[in-house]
Amino acid sequence: MAFSQAQAAREWIFKGVMVKDVSTYHTGSENVLTVRFDPTPQTASTGCVPTDAHNMVSFWTTGSLVSSSAAVWTSVLLSAQAQNLPVDIYVEANVCNTSARGDLYGEPKGFGVRLRGVRLAND
């Protein structure tokens, strides 16, 4: 099932979360950036099982992560993690990947909700 940009519900769903780990990897068919975070008491359920179970979101593409916005997001996420700063995470809330290729954290598998942006959180 494909989603056009006009249909995608893009939102800053995760606010003020701390970056737990950042991974970039290749599954054999996609290049993936995954960020796992420590939820806050305000972190809501997304209805996406991998995201809710593992507190993670991902960006996946058959293109290069280096030539995409993902390279900038990786830099912001790693910088925030190194400085112990909270971030806000922008996602496509209605795009949930539950593919068996997304097995970084075990069951339930999937890349989770689709990452679309990140910023340092405003206090």
Protein backbone atom coordinates (compact mmCIF):
# COMPACT_ATOMS: atom_id res chain seq x y z
CA MET A 1 0.00 0.00 0.00
CA ALA A 2 1.43 3.38 -0.98
CA PHE A 3 0.75 6.74 0.62
CA SER A 4 1.05 10.02 -1.20
CA GLN A 5 2.41 13.03 0.64
CA ALA A 6 -1.05 14.61 0.55
CA GLN A 7 -2.47 11.65 2.49
CA ALA A 8 0.32 11.26 5.01
CA ALA A 9 -0.36 12.49 8.54
CA ARG A 10 2.96 14.13 9.36
CA GLU A 11 3.28 15.23 12.97
CA TRP A 12 5.78 16.00 15.73
CA ILE A 13 4.43 13.08 17.79
CA PHE A 14 7.43 12.45 20.03
CA LYS A 15 8.47 15.55 21.95
CA GLY A 16 11.30 15.99 24.41
CA VAL A 17 12.54 12.40 24.14
CA MET A 18 16.10 11.30 24.84
CA VAL A 19 17.96 9.40 22.11
CA LYS A 20 18.85 5.91 23.30
CA ASP A 21 20.59 4.64 20.15
CA VAL A 22 20.92 5.37 16.45
CA SER A 23 21.49 2.68 13.82
CA THR A 24 22.07 2.81 10.09
CA TYR A 25 22.05 -0.45 8.18
CA HIS A 26 21.21 -2.22 4.94
CA THR A 27 18.63 -5.02 4.87
CA GLY A 28 19.48 -6.34 1.41
CA SER A 29 16.81 -4.22 -0.22
CA GLU A 30 16.61 -1.01 1.85
CA ASN A 31 18.96 1.39 3.55
CA VAL A 32 17.57 2.14 7.01
CA LEU A 33 18.08 4.74 9.74
CA THR A 34 16.51 3.73 13.06
CA VAL A 35 16.40 5.76 16.25
CA ARG A 36 15.34 4.33 19.58
CA PHE A 37 14.41 6.74 22.36
CA ASP A 38 13.47 6.81 26.00
CA PRO A 39 9.76 7.67 26.15
CA THR A 40 8.40 10.43 28.35
CA PRO A 41 5.24 10.12 30.45
CA GLN A 42 3.52 12.09 27.67
CA THR A 43 4.59 9.68 24.90
CA ALA A 44 1.38 8.42 23.33
CA SER A 45 0.70 5.10 21.68
CA THR A 46 0.93 5.30 17.89
CA GLY A 47 -0.92 2.09 17.12
CA CYS A 48 2.21 0.88 15.30
CA VAL A 49 3.31 -2.24 17.16
CA PRO A 50 7.10 -2.04 16.51
CA THR A 51 7.22 1.65 17.45
CA ASP A 52 5.14 1.20 20.59
CA ALA A 53 6.99 -1.95 21.72
CA HIS A 54 10.54 -0.75 21.07
CA ASN A 55 10.16 3.07 21.31
CA MET A 56 11.66 3.46 17.87
CA VAL A 57 11.04 4.99 14.46
CA SER A 58 12.84 4.50 11.16
CA PHE A 59 13.45 6.01 7.77
CA TRP A 60 13.90 3.49 4.96
CA THR A 61 14.72 3.95 1.30
CA THR A 62 16.05 1.99 -1.64
CA GLY A 63 18.20 5.06 -2.33
CA SER A 64 21.24 6.30 -0.46
CA LEU A 65 21.03 7.50 3.14
CA VAL A 66 24.07 9.70 2.54
CA SER A 67 22.46 11.79 -0.19
CA SER A 68 19.18 12.20 1.66
CA SER A 69 17.92 14.15 4.63
CA ALA A 70 18.72 11.04 6.67
CA ALA A 71 22.38 12.09 6.84
CA VAL A 72 21.37 15.37 8.50
CA TRP A 73 18.94 13.59 10.84
CA THR A 74 21.69 11.15 11.85
CA SER A 75 23.98 14.05 12.68
CA VAL A 76 21.34 15.82 14.79
CA LEU A 77 20.41 12.60 16.61
CA LEU A 78 24.01 11.65 17.43
CA SER A 79 24.82 15.20 18.51
CA ALA A 80 21.78 15.26 20.82
CA GLN A 81 22.71 11.87 22.24
CA ALA A 82 26.32 12.92 22.88
CA GLN A 83 25.19 16.13 24.63
CA ASN A 84 22.31 14.46 26.49
CA LEU A 85 19.79 16.83 24.88
CA PRO A 86 16.14 16.00 24.18
CA VAL A 87 14.77 15.88 20.64
CA ASP A 88 11.40 16.15 18.93
CA ILE A 89 10.72 13.54 16.25
CA TYR A 90 8.59 14.23 13.15
CA VAL A 91 6.91 11.15 11.64
CA GLU A 92 4.36 9.98 9.11
CA ALA A 93 1.92 8.75 11.72
CA ASN A 94 -0.12 6.64 9.33
CA VAL A 95 2.84 4.76 7.82
CA CYS A 96 3.76 1.73 9.95
CA ASN A 97 6.24 -0.86 8.70
CA THR A 98 5.90 -4.35 10.21
CA SER A 99 8.21 -6.09 7.74
CA ALA A 100 10.21 -9.12 8.87
CA ARG A 101 13.29 -7.31 7.47
CA GLY A 102 13.07 -4.94 10.43
CA ASP A 103 14.46 -7.28 13.07
CA LEU A 104 16.96 -4.97 14.80
CA TYR A 105 15.24 -5.28 18.20
CA GLY A 106 13.58 -8.68 17.76
CA GLU A 107 9.85 -9.24 18.11
CA PRO A 108 7.68 -7.54 17.12
CA LYS A 109 9.54 -6.97 13.85
CA GLY A 110 9.35 -3.96 11.61
CA PHE A 111 10.85 -0.52 11.04
CA GLY A 112 7.93 1.11 12.87
CA VAL A 113 6.51 4.53 12.10
CA ARG A 114 8.26 6.38 9.27
CA LEU A 115 10.73 9.06 10.44
CA ARG A 116 10.45 12.36 8.56
CA GLY A 117 12.44 14.81 10.66
CA VAL A 118 14.14 15.63 13.93
CA ARG A 119 14.96 18.79 15.85
CA LEU A 120 16.47 19.68 19.18
CA ALA A 121 13.59 20.08 21.61
CA ASN A 122 12.62 23.45 22.99
CA ASP A 123 12.32 23.42 26.76
